Amino acid sequence: MKAKPVIPRGQAHRDVEEAIAHYLSEAGESVALDFISALEKAYGHIGRHPTTGSPRYALELAIPGLRAWALTRYPHLVFYVEHPSHIDVWRVLHARRDIPAWMQEPDEV
């Protein structure tokens, strides 16, 4: 199966920028770069195997098709919806946040 392109929304980009800034200030450049690497690996996995993400929040938030995939070694979840031609990444959130509240924030596509 061919991998689908993974396309983050604007809010997902902002989430990632916030996480990188946090890791740079609190843990240093190598940790921030490792976070980026873990995110790239997660995006690659999601693009190749989109149905492996957890549908838990789809039920809780009543968002059909929403799935979440955890980053390796980082407490972040990638929230996405699979479409026929691509993977739509909605958010990249720290797992300890109030996920339902953060997912309700409006975003442009």
PDB file of N, CA and C in Angstrom:
ATOM      1  N   MET A   1       0.833  -1.180   0.000  1.00  0.00           N
ATOM      2  CA  MET A   1       0.000   0.000   0.000  1.00  0.00           C
ATOM      3  C   MET A   1       0.882   1.249   0.000  1.00  0.00           C
ATOM      4  N   LYS A   2       0.533   2.193  -0.842  1.00  0.00           N
ATOM      5  CA  LYS A   2       1.275   3.447  -0.939  1.00  0.00           C
ATOM      6  C   LYS A   2       0.893   4.372   0.217  1.00  0.00           C
ATOM      7  N   ALA A   3       1.889   5.046   0.761  1.00  0.00           N
ATOM      8  CA  ALA A   3       1.633   5.969   1.867  1.00  0.00           C
ATOM      9  C   ALA A   3       0.856   7.182   1.367  1.00  0.00           C
ATOM     10  N   LYS A   4      -0.074   7.629   2.195  1.00  0.00           N
ATOM     11  CA  LYS A   4      -0.837   8.837   1.889  1.00  0.00           C
ATOM     12  C   LYS A   4      -0.070  10.042   2.415  1.00  0.00           C
ATOM     13  N   PRO A   5      -0.182  11.183   1.737  1.00  0.00           N
ATOM     14  CA  PRO A   5       0.453  12.381   2.281  1.00  0.00           C
ATOM     15  C   PRO A   5      -0.189  12.783   3.605  1.00  0.00           C
ATOM     16  N   VAL A   6       0.637  13.213   4.533  1.00  0.00           N
ATOM     17  CA  VAL A   6       0.174  13.675   5.839  1.00  0.00           C
ATOM     18  C   VAL A   6       0.204  15.199   5.805  1.00  0.00           C
ATOM     19  N   ILE A   7      -0.969  15.814   5.949  1.00  0.00           N
ATOM     20  CA  ILE A   7      -1.086  17.261   5.817  1.00  0.00           C
ATOM     21  C   ILE A   7      -1.587  17.857   7.128  1.00  0.00           C
ATOM     22  N   PRO A   8      -0.687  18.506   7.888  1.00  0.00           N
ATOM     23  CA  PRO A   8      -1.101  19.138   9.142  1.00  0.00           C
ATOM     24  C   PRO A   8      -1.855  20.445   8.876  1.00  0.00           C
ATOM     25  N   ARG A   9      -2.888  20.677   9.661  1.00  0.00           N
ATOM     26  CA  ARG A   9      -3.607  21.948   9.628  1.00  0.00           C
ATOM     27  C   ARG A   9      -2.762  23.019  10.301  1.00  0.00           C
ATOM     28  N   GLY A  10      -3.191  24.259  10.163  1.00  0.00           N
ATOM     29  CA  GLY A  10      -2.473  25.370  10.779  1.00  0.00           C
ATOM     30  C   GLY A  10      -2.314  25.207  12.273  1.00  0.00           C
ATOM     31  N   GLN A  11      -3.365  24.757  12.951  1.00  0.00           N
ATOM     32  CA  GLN A  11      -3.286  24.595  14.403  1.00  0.00           C
ATOM     33  C   GLN A  11      -2.313  23.488  14.776  1.00  0.00           C
ATOM     34  N   ALA A  12      -2.230  22.441  13.979  1.00  0.00           N
ATOM     35  CA  ALA A  12      -1.249  21.382  14.248  1.00  0.00           C
ATOM     36  C   ALA A  12       0.164  21.928  14.127  1.00  0.00           C
ATOM     37  N   HIS A  13       0.410  22.781  13.125  1.00  0.00           N
ATOM     38  CA  HIS A  13       1.728  23.420  12.991  1.00  0.00           C
ATOM     39  C   HIS A  13       2.037  24.260  14.228  1.00  0.00           C
ATOM     40  N   ARG A  14       1.049  25.017  14.700  1.00  0.00           N
ATOM     41  CA  ARG A  14       1.263  25.848  15.890  1.00  0.00           C
ATOM     42  C   ARG A  14       1.531  24.987  17.121  1.00  0.00           C
ATOM     43  N   ASP A  15       0.809  23.862  17.242  1.00  0.00           N
ATOM     44  CA  ASP A  15       1.052  22.940  18.359  1.00  0.00           C
ATOM     45  C   ASP A  15       2.503  22.446  18.346  1.00  0.00           C
ATOM     46  N   VAL A  16       2.988  22.084  17.171  1.00  0.00           N
ATOM     47  CA  VAL A  16       4.353  21.573  17.035  1.00  0.00           C
ATOM     48  C   VAL A  16       5.365  22.669  17.367  1.00  0.00           C
ATOM     49  N   GLU A  17       5.133  23.870  16.863  1.00  0.00           N
ATOM     50  CA  GLU A  17       6.041  24.978  17.159  1.00  0.00           C
ATOM     51  C   GLU A  17       6.102  25.252  18.659  1.00  0.00           C
ATOM     52  N   GLU A  18       4.956  25.182  19.328  1.00  0.00           N
ATOM     53  CA  GLU A  18       4.911  25.389  20.778  1.00  0.00           C
ATOM     54  C   GLU A  18       5.704  24.302  21.505  1.00  0.00           C
ATOM     55  N   ALA A  19       5.546  23.053  21.084  1.00  0.00           N
ATOM     56  CA  ALA A  19       6.270  21.948  21.719  1.00  0.00           C
ATOM     57  C   ALA A  19       7.776  22.087  21.500  1.00  0.00           C
ATOM     58  N   ILE A  20       8.178  22.449  20.288  1.00  0.00           N
ATOM     59  CA  ILE A  20       9.605  22.621  19.999  1.00  0.00           C
ATOM     60  C   ILE A  20      10.182  23.743  20.859  1.00  0.00           C
ATOM     61  N   ALA A  21       9.466  24.855  20.953  1.00  0.00           N
ATOM     62  CA  ALA A  21       9.933  25.973  21.780  1.00  0.00           C
ATOM     63  C   ALA A  21      10.082  25.546  23.241  1.00  0.00           C
ATOM     64  N   HIS A  22       9.130  24.760  23.717  1.00  0.00           N
ATOM     65  CA  HIS A  22       9.203  24.260  25.092  1.00  0.00           C
ATOM     66  C   HIS A  22      10.447  23.388  25.279  1.00  0.00           C
ATOM     67  N   TYR A  23      10.658  22.431  24.376  1.00  0.00           N
ATOM     68  CA  TYR A  23      11.807  21.545  24.524  1.00  0.00           C
ATOM     69  C   TYR A  23      13.126  22.302  24.384  1.00  0.00           C
ATOM     70  N   LEU A  24      13.175  23.292  23.498  1.00  0.00           N
ATOM     71  CA  LEU A  24      14.396  24.095  23.364  1.00  0.00           C
ATOM     72  C   LEU A  24      14.723  24.831  24.660  1.00  0.00           C
ATOM     73  N   SER A  25      13.701  25.430  25.265  1.00  0.00           N
ATOM     74  CA  SER A  25      13.949  26.222  26.472  1.00  0.00           C
ATOM     75  C   SER A  25      14.160  25.370  27.711  1.00  0.00           C
ATOM     76  N   GLU A  26      13.513  24.230  27.794  1.00  0.00           N
ATOM     77  CA  GLU A  26      13.579  23.408  29.002  1.00  0.00           C
ATOM     78  C   GLU A  26      14.603  22.276  28.950  1.00  0.00           C
ATOM     79  N   ALA A  27      14.909  21.779  27.745  1.00  0.00           N
ATOM     80  CA  ALA A  27      15.765  20.587  27.675  1.00  0.00           C
ATOM     81  C   ALA A  27      16.905  20.702  26.676  1.00  0.00           C
ATOM     82  N   GLY A  28      16.862  21.676  25.798  1.00  0.00           N
ATOM     83  CA  GLY A  28      17.969  21.869  24.868  1.00  0.00           C
ATOM     84  C   GLY A  28      17.682  21.410  23.448  1.00  0.00           C
ATOM     85  N   GLU A  29      18.622  21.762  22.589  1.00  0.00           N
ATOM     86  CA  GLU A  29      18.468  21.522  21.155  1.00  0.00           C
ATOM     87  C   GLU A  29      18.354  20.042  20.802  1.00  0.00           C
ATOM     88  N   SER A  30      19.143  19.190  21.432  1.00  0.00           N
ATOM     89  CA  SER A  30      19.112  17.767  21.061  1.00  0.00           C
ATOM     90  C   SER A  30      17.756  17.139  21.365  1.00  0.00           C
ATOM     91  N   VAL A  31      17.129  17.533  22.463  1.00  0.00           N
ATOM     92  CA  VAL A  31      15.803  17.008  22.809  1.00  0.00           C
ATOM     93  C   VAL A  31      14.755  17.533  21.823  1.00  0.00           C
ATOM     94  N   ALA A  32      14.866  18.811  21.468  1.00  0.00           N
ATOM     95  CA  ALA A  32      13.927  19.385  20.490  1.00  0.00           C
ATOM     96  C   ALA A  32      14.070  18.687  19.139  1.00  0.00           C
ATOM     97  N   LEU A  33      15.299  18.431  18.720  1.00  0.00           N
ATOM     98  CA  LEU A  33      15.517  17.734  17.450  1.00  0.00           C
ATOM     99  C   LEU A  33      15.004  16.298  17.508  1.00  0.00           C
ATOM    100  N   ASP A  34      15.163  15.644  18.656  1.00  0.00           N
ATOM    101  CA  ASP A  34      14.650  14.289  18.816  1.00  0.00           C
ATOM    102  C   ASP A  34      13.118  14.289  18.758  1.00  0.00           C
ATOM    103  N   PHE A  35      12.483  15.326  19.321  1.00  0.00           N
ATOM    104  CA  PHE A  35      11.029  15.462  19.223  1.00  0.00           C
ATOM    105  C   PHE A  35      10.607  15.562  17.758  1.00  0.00           C
ATOM    106  N   ILE A  36      11.316  16.367  16.986  1.00  0.00           N
ATOM    107  CA  ILE A  36      11.008  16.507  15.556  1.00  0.00           C
ATOM    108  C   ILE A  36      11.148  15.164  14.853  1.00  0.00           C
ATOM    109  N   SER A  37      12.185  14.433  15.177  1.00  0.00           N
ATOM    110  CA  SER A  37      12.395  13.110  14.579  1.00  0.00           C
ATOM    111  C   SER A  37      11.257  12.155  14.942  1.00  0.00           C
ATOM    112  N   ALA A  38      10.841  12.170  16.215  1.00  0.00           N
ATOM    113  CA  ALA A  38       9.728  11.312  16.646  1.00  0.00           C
ATOM    114  C   ALA A  38       8.436  11.695  15.927  1.00  0.00           C
ATOM    115  N   LEU A  39       8.222  12.987  15.719  1.00  0.00           N
ATOM    116  CA  LEU A  39       7.028  13.444  15.009  1.00  0.00           C
ATOM    117  C   LEU A  39       7.069  12.999  13.547  1.00  0.00           C
ATOM    118  N   GLU A  40       8.223  13.130  12.903  1.00  0.00           N
ATOM    119  CA  GLU A  40       8.359  12.687  11.511  1.00  0.00           C
ATOM    120  C   GLU A  40       8.099  11.182  11.389  1.00  0.00           C
ATOM    121  N   LYS A  41       8.598  10.413  12.335  1.00  0.00           N
ATOM    122  CA  LYS A  41       8.349   8.966  12.327  1.00  0.00           C
ATOM    123  C   LYS A  41       6.859   8.675  12.505  1.00  0.00           C
ATOM    124  N   ALA A  42       6.215   9.413  13.397  1.00  0.00           N
ATOM    125  CA  ALA A  42       4.779   9.222  13.613  1.00  0.00           C
ATOM    126  C   ALA A  42       3.996   9.562  12.346  1.00  0.00           C
ATOM    127  N   TYR A  43       4.344  10.673  11.696  1.00  0.00           N
ATOM    128  CA  TYR A  43       3.675  11.048  10.445  1.00  0.00           C
ATOM    129  C   TYR A  43       3.880   9.964   9.385  1.00  0.00           C
ATOM    130  N   GLY A  44       5.088   9.416   9.309  1.00  0.00           N
ATOM    131  CA  GLY A  44       5.347   8.345   8.347  1.00  0.00           C
ATOM    132  C   GLY A  44       4.503   7.117   8.629  1.00  0.00           C
ATOM    133  N   HIS A  45       4.410   6.752   9.894  1.00  0.00           N
ATOM    134  CA  HIS A  45       3.598   5.593  10.269  1.00  0.00           C
ATOM    135  C   HIS A  45       2.125   5.827   9.936  1.00  0.00           C
ATOM    136  N   ILE A  46       1.627   7.000  10.309  1.00  0.00           N
ATOM    137  CA  ILE A  46       0.221   7.329  10.054  1.00  0.00           C
ATOM    138  C   ILE A  46      -0.067   7.314   8.551  1.00  0.00           C
ATOM    139  N   GLY A  47       0.850   7.823   7.754  1.00  0.00           N
ATOM    140  CA  GLY A  47       0.660   7.833   6.305  1.00  0.00           C
ATOM    141  C   GLY A  47       0.584   6.429   5.714  1.00  0.00           C
ATOM    142  N   ARG A  48       1.357   5.492   6.281  1.00  0.00           N
ATOM    143  CA  ARG A  48       1.373   4.113   5.789  1.00  0.00           C
ATOM    144  C   ARG A  48       0.288   3.242   6.409  1.00  0.00           C
ATOM    145  N   HIS A  49      -0.064   3.515   7.669  1.00  0.00           N
ATOM    146  CA  HIS A  49      -1.002   2.663   8.410  1.00  0.00           C
ATOM    147  C   HIS A  49      -2.016   3.519   9.170  1.00  0.00           C
ATOM    148  N   PRO A  50      -2.867   4.258   8.477  1.00  0.00           N
ATOM    149  CA  PRO A  50      -3.751   5.205   9.169  1.00  0.00           C
ATOM    150  C   PRO A  50      -4.766   4.574  10.110  1.00  0.00           C
ATOM    151  N   THR A  51      -5.116   3.337   9.900  1.00  0.00           N
ATOM    152  CA  THR A  51      -6.143   2.729  10.751  1.00  0.00           C
ATOM    153  C   THR A  51      -5.596   2.213  12.076  1.00  0.00           C
ATOM    154  N   THR A  52      -4.290   2.326  12.306  1.00  0.00           N
ATOM    155  CA  THR A  52      -3.726   1.820  13.560  1.00  0.00           C
ATOM    156  C   THR A  52      -3.873   2.797  14.719  1.00  0.00           C
ATOM    157  N   GLY A  53      -4.229   4.044  14.444  1.00  0.00           N
ATOM    158  CA  GLY A  53      -4.438   5.006  15.521  1.00  0.00           C
ATOM    159  C   GLY A  53      -5.679   4.680  16.327  1.00  0.00           C
ATOM    160  N   SER A  54      -5.693   5.096  17.566  1.00  0.00           N
ATOM    161  CA  SER A  54      -6.817   4.825  18.460  1.00  0.00           C
ATOM    162  C   SER A  54      -8.028   5.684  18.094  1.00  0.00           C
ATOM    163  N   PRO A  55      -9.220   5.064  17.995  1.00  0.00           N
ATOM    164  CA  PRO A  55     -10.443   5.826  17.723  1.00  0.00           C
ATOM    165  C   PRO A  55     -11.138   6.331  18.987  1.00  0.00           C
ATOM    166  N   ARG A  56     -10.491   6.208  20.129  1.00  0.00           N
ATOM    167  CA  ARG A  56     -11.115   6.547  21.414  1.00  0.00           C
ATOM    168  C   ARG A  56     -11.753   7.935  21.413  1.00  0.00           C
ATOM    169  N   TYR A  57     -11.031   8.940  20.971  1.00  0.00           N
ATOM    170  CA  TYR A  57     -11.548  10.302  21.031  1.00  0.00           C
ATOM    171  C   TYR A  57     -12.633  10.564  19.989  1.00  0.00           C
ATOM    172  N   ALA A  58     -12.697   9.762  18.936  1.00  0.00           N
ATOM    173  CA  ALA A  58     -13.773   9.912  17.954  1.00  0.00           C
ATOM    174  C   ALA A  58     -15.122   9.702  18.632  1.00  0.00           C
ATOM    175  N   LEU A  59     -15.192   8.729  19.503  1.00  0.00           N
ATOM    176  CA  LEU A  59     -16.429   8.448  20.224  1.00  0.00           C
ATOM    177  C   LEU A  59     -16.705   9.529  21.268  1.00  0.00           C
ATOM    178  N   GLU A  60     -15.678   9.889  22.022  1.00  0.00           N
ATOM    179  CA  GLU A  60     -15.831  10.871  23.093  1.00  0.00           C
ATOM    180  C   GLU A  60     -16.205  12.255  22.564  1.00  0.00           C
ATOM    181  N   LEU A  61     -15.638  12.634  21.406  1.00  0.00           N
ATOM    182  CA  LEU A  61     -15.864  13.966  20.851  1.00  0.00           C
ATOM    183  C   LEU A  61     -16.896  14.000  19.732  1.00  0.00           C
ATOM    184  N   ALA A  62     -17.397  12.838  19.363  1.00  0.00           N
ATOM    185  CA  ALA A  62     -18.367  12.723  18.263  1.00  0.00           C
ATOM    186  C   ALA A  62     -17.796  13.311  16.970  1.00  0.00           C
ATOM    187  N   ILE A  63     -16.550  12.965  16.671  1.00  0.00           N
ATOM    188  CA  ILE A  63     -15.902  13.372  15.427  1.00  0.00           C
ATOM    189  C   ILE A  63     -15.622  12.097  14.631  1.00  0.00           C
ATOM    190  N   PRO A  64     -16.466  11.792  13.647  1.00  0.00           N
ATOM    191  CA  PRO A  64     -16.293  10.556  12.891  1.00  0.00           C
ATOM    192  C   PRO A  64     -14.910  10.455  12.239  1.00  0.00           C
ATOM    193  N   GLY A  65     -14.278   9.313  12.423  1.00  0.00           N
ATOM    194  CA  GLY A  65     -13.000   9.043  11.789  1.00  0.00           C
ATOM    195  C   GLY A  65     -11.780   9.578  12.515  1.00  0.00           C
ATOM    196  N   LEU A  66     -11.974  10.313  13.600  1.00  0.00           N
ATOM    197  CA  LEU A  66     -10.835  10.862  14.327  1.00  0.00           C
ATOM    198  C   LEU A  66     -10.044   9.731  14.981  1.00  0.00           C
ATOM    199  N   ARG A  67      -8.727   9.796  14.832  1.00  0.00           N
ATOM    200  CA  ARG A  67      -7.838   8.823  15.463  1.00  0.00           C
ATOM    201  C   ARG A  67      -6.693   9.561  16.126  1.00  0.00           C
ATOM    202  N   ALA A  68      -6.033   8.885  17.049  1.00  0.00           N
ATOM    203  CA  ALA A  68      -4.880   9.464  17.738  1.00  0.00           C
ATOM    204  C   ALA A  68      -3.730   8.464  17.711  1.00  0.00           C
ATOM    205  N   TRP A  69      -2.534   8.990  17.496  1.00  0.00           N
ATOM    206  CA  TRP A  69      -1.329   8.163  17.497  1.00  0.00           C
ATOM    207  C   TRP A  69      -0.311   8.824  18.423  1.00  0.00           C
ATOM    208  N   ALA A  70       0.249   8.047  19.340  1.00  0.00           N
ATOM    209  CA  ALA A  70       1.217   8.564  20.312  1.00  0.00           C
ATOM    210  C   ALA A  70       2.630   8.591  19.726  1.00  0.00           C
ATOM    211  N   LEU A  71       3.351   9.665  20.028  1.00  0.00           N
ATOM    212  CA  LEU A  71       4.750   9.756  19.635  1.00  0.00           C
ATOM    213  C   LEU A  71       5.569   8.834  20.529  1.00  0.00           C
ATOM    214  N   THR A  72       6.631   8.293  19.979  1.00  0.00           N
ATOM    215  CA  THR A  72       7.551   7.468  20.747  1.00  0.00           C
ATOM    216  C   THR A  72       8.428   8.378  21.606  1.00  0.00           C
ATOM    217  N   ARG A  73       8.498   8.077  22.905  1.00  0.00           N
ATOM    218  CA  ARG A  73       9.347   8.771  23.880  1.00  0.00           C
ATOM    219  C   ARG A  73       8.922  10.196  24.205  1.00  0.00           C
ATOM    220  N   TYR A  74       7.817  10.642  23.696  1.00  0.00           N
ATOM    221  CA  TYR A  74       7.310  11.981  24.017  1.00  0.00           C
ATOM    222  C   TYR A  74       5.826  11.876  24.347  1.00  0.00           C
ATOM    223  N   PRO A  75       5.358  12.661  25.301  1.00  0.00           N
ATOM    224  CA  PRO A  75       3.955  12.552  25.737  1.00  0.00           C
ATOM    225  C   PRO A  75       2.993  13.358  24.854  1.00  0.00           C
ATOM    226  N   HIS A  76       3.090  13.166  23.553  1.00  0.00           N
ATOM    227  CA  HIS A  76       2.238  13.898  22.623  1.00  0.00           C
ATOM    228  C   HIS A  76       1.435  12.919  21.769  1.00  0.00           C
ATOM    229  N   LEU A  77       0.236  13.364  21.417  1.00  0.00           N
ATOM    230  CA  LEU A  77      -0.648  12.592  20.551  1.00  0.00           C
ATOM    231  C   LEU A  77      -0.905  13.369  19.269  1.00  0.00           C
ATOM    232  N   VAL A  78      -0.870  12.669  18.145  1.00  0.00           N
ATOM    233  CA  VAL A  78      -1.219  13.250  16.852  1.00  0.00           C
ATOM    234  C   VAL A  78      -2.670  12.867  16.579  1.00  0.00           C
ATOM    235  N   PHE A  79      -3.519  13.879  16.409  1.00  0.00           N
ATOM    236  CA  PHE A  79      -4.936  13.653  16.117  1.00  0.00           C
ATOM    237  C   PHE A  79      -5.166  13.882  14.634  1.00  0.00           C
ATOM    238  N   TYR A  80      -5.785  12.899  13.978  1.00  0.00           N
ATOM    239  CA  TYR A  80      -5.922  12.971  12.529  1.00  0.00           C
ATOM    240  C   TYR A  80      -7.186  12.262  12.045  1.00  0.00           C
ATOM    241  N   VAL A  81      -7.551  12.586  10.809  1.00  0.00           N
ATOM    242  CA  VAL A  81      -8.659  11.931  10.131  1.00  0.00           C
ATOM    243  C   VAL A  81      -8.141  11.479   8.772  1.00  0.00           C
ATOM    244  N   GLU A  82      -8.426  10.239   8.417  1.00  0.00           N
ATOM    245  CA  GLU A  82      -8.017   9.721   7.112  1.00  0.00           C
ATOM    246  C   GLU A  82      -9.052  10.109   6.060  1.00  0.00           C
ATOM    247  N   HIS A  83      -8.560  10.587   4.942  1.00  0.00           N
ATOM    248  CA  HIS A  83      -9.383  10.874   3.770  1.00  0.00           C
ATOM    249  C   HIS A  83      -8.890   9.993   2.626  1.00  0.00           C
ATOM    250  N   PRO A  84      -9.665   9.853   1.559  1.00  0.00           N
ATOM    251  CA  PRO A  84      -9.219   8.979   0.465  1.00  0.00           C
ATOM    252  C   PRO A  84      -7.848   9.355  -0.114  1.00  0.00           C
ATOM    253  N   SER A  85      -7.515  10.643  -0.135  1.00  0.00           N
ATOM    254  CA  SER A  85      -6.275  11.065  -0.783  1.00  0.00           C
ATOM    255  C   SER A  85      -5.169  11.504   0.175  1.00  0.00           C
ATOM    256  N   HIS A  86      -5.489  11.699   1.465  1.00  0.00           N
ATOM    257  CA  HIS A  86      -4.480  12.200   2.396  1.00  0.00           C
ATOM    258  C   HIS A  86      -4.897  11.970   3.849  1.00  0.00           C
ATOM    259  N   ILE A  87      -3.969  12.278   4.753  1.00  0.00           N
ATOM    260  CA  ILE A  87      -4.226  12.236   6.192  1.00  0.00           C
ATOM    261  C   ILE A  87      -4.280  13.691   6.663  1.00  0.00           C
ATOM    262  N   ASP A  88      -5.380  14.065   7.280  1.00  0.00           N
ATOM    263  CA  ASP A  88      -5.631  15.421   7.763  1.00  0.00           C
ATOM    264  C   ASP A  88      -5.284  15.474   9.257  1.00  0.00           C
ATOM    265  N   VAL A  89      -4.139  16.085   9.599  1.00  0.00           N
ATOM    266  CA  VAL A  89      -3.708  16.187  10.999  1.00  0.00           C
ATOM    267  C   VAL A  89      -4.358  17.422  11.610  1.00  0.00           C
ATOM    268  N   TRP A  90      -5.195  17.197  12.617  1.00  0.00           N
ATOM    269  CA  TRP A  90      -5.920  18.283  13.272  1.00  0.00           C
ATOM    270  C   TRP A  90      -5.094  18.956  14.343  1.00  0.00           C
ATOM    271  N   ARG A  91      -4.498  18.155  15.233  1.00  0.00           N
ATOM    272  CA  ARG A  91      -3.754  18.708  16.376  1.00  0.00           C
ATOM    273  C   ARG A  91      -2.602  17.773  16.726  1.00  0.00           C
ATOM    274  N   VAL A  92      -1.601  18.324  17.431  1.00  0.00           N
ATOM    275  CA  VAL A  92      -0.523  17.548  18.053  1.00  0.00           C
ATOM    276  C   VAL A  92      -0.475  18.060  19.486  1.00  0.00           C
ATOM    277  N   LEU A  93      -1.059  17.296  20.403  1.00  0.00           N
ATOM    278  CA  LEU A  93      -1.265  17.767  21.772  1.00  0.00           C
ATOM    279  C   LEU A  93      -0.543  16.912  22.806  1.00  0.00           C
ATOM    280  N   HIS A  94      -0.126  17.568  23.886  1.00  0.00           N
ATOM    281  CA  HIS A  94       0.440  16.861  25.028  1.00  0.00           C
ATOM    282  C   HIS A  94      -0.670  15.988  25.610  1.00  0.00           C
ATOM    283  N   ALA A  95      -0.366  14.769  25.917  1.00  0.00           N
ATOM    284  CA  ALA A  95      -1.369  13.804  26.370  1.00  0.00           C
ATOM    285  C   ALA A  95      -2.016  14.169  27.701  1.00  0.00           C
ATOM    286  N   ARG A  96      -1.389  15.039  28.488  1.00  0.00           N
ATOM    287  CA  ARG A  96      -1.960  15.413  29.790  1.00  0.00           C
ATOM    288  C   ARG A  96      -2.887  16.616  29.722  1.00  0.00           C
ATOM    289  N   ARG A  97      -3.056  17.166  28.562  1.00  0.00           N
ATOM    290  CA  ARG A  97      -3.977  18.296  28.414  1.00  0.00           C
ATOM    291  C   ARG A  97      -5.407  17.787  28.461  1.00  0.00           C
ATOM    292  N   ASP A  98      -6.318  18.710  28.636  1.00  0.00           N
ATOM    293  CA  ASP A  98      -7.742  18.386  28.571  1.00  0.00           C
ATOM    294  C   ASP A  98      -8.080  18.249  27.082  1.00  0.00           C
ATOM    295  N   ILE A  99      -7.904  17.050  26.567  1.00  0.00           N
ATOM    296  CA  ILE A  99      -8.025  16.810  25.127  1.00  0.00           C
ATOM    297  C   ILE A  99      -9.378  17.280  24.579  1.00  0.00           C
ATOM    298  N   PRO A 100     -10.504  16.925  25.186  1.00  0.00           N
ATOM    299  CA  PRO A 100     -11.778  17.393  24.628  1.00  0.00           C
ATOM    300  C   PRO A 100     -11.871  18.916  24.521  1.00  0.00           C
ATOM    301  N   ALA A 101     -11.371  19.637  25.517  1.00  0.00           N
ATOM    302  CA  ALA A 101     -11.421  21.102  25.464  1.00  0.00           C
ATOM    303  C   ALA A 101     -10.512  21.631  24.352  1.00  0.00           C
ATOM    304  N   TRP A 102      -9.326  21.093  24.238  1.00  0.00           N
ATOM    305  CA  TRP A 102      -8.381  21.578  23.221  1.00  0.00           C
ATOM    306  C   TRP A 102      -8.842  21.229  21.805  1.00  0.00           C
ATOM    307  N   MET A 103      -9.543  20.129  21.650  1.00  0.00           N
ATOM    308  CA  MET A 103     -10.022  19.741  20.317  1.00  0.00           C
ATOM    309  C   MET A 103     -11.200  20.575  19.857  1.00  0.00           C
ATOM    310  N   GLN A 104     -11.846  21.269  20.754  1.00  0.00           N
ATOM    311  CA  GLN A 104     -12.991  22.092  20.400  1.00  0.00           C
ATOM    312  C   GLN A 104     -12.595  23.449  19.841  1.00  0.00           C
ATOM    313  N   GLU A 105     -11.314  23.820  19.950  1.00  0.00           N
ATOM    314  CA  GLU A 105     -10.865  25.105  19.423  1.00  0.00           C
ATOM    315  C   GLU A 105     -11.063  25.120  17.918  1.00  0.00           C
ATOM    316  N   PRO A 106     -11.603  26.214  17.378  1.00  0.00           N
ATOM    317  CA  PRO A 106     -11.792  26.287  15.928  1.00  0.00           C
ATOM    318  C   PRO A 106     -10.465  26.368  15.203  1.00  0.00           C
ATOM    319  N   ASP A 107     -10.443  25.893  13.967  1.00  0.00           N
ATOM    320  CA  ASP A 107      -9.237  25.937  13.154  1.00  0.00           C
ATOM    321  C   ASP A 107      -9.629  26.041  11.696  1.00  0.00           C
ATOM    322  N   GLU A 108      -8.736  26.642  10.943  1.00  0.00           N
ATOM    323  CA  GLU A 108      -8.935  26.661   9.499  1.00  0.00           C
ATOM    324  C   GLU A 108      -8.412  25.359   8.934  1.00  0.00           C
ATOM    325  N   VAL A 109      -8.868  24.981   7.790  1.00  0.00           N
ATOM    326  CA  VAL A 109      -8.423  23.716   7.164  1.00  0.00           C
ATOM    327  C   VAL A 109      -7.101  23.914   6.487  1.00  0.00           C
TER     328      VAL A 109
END
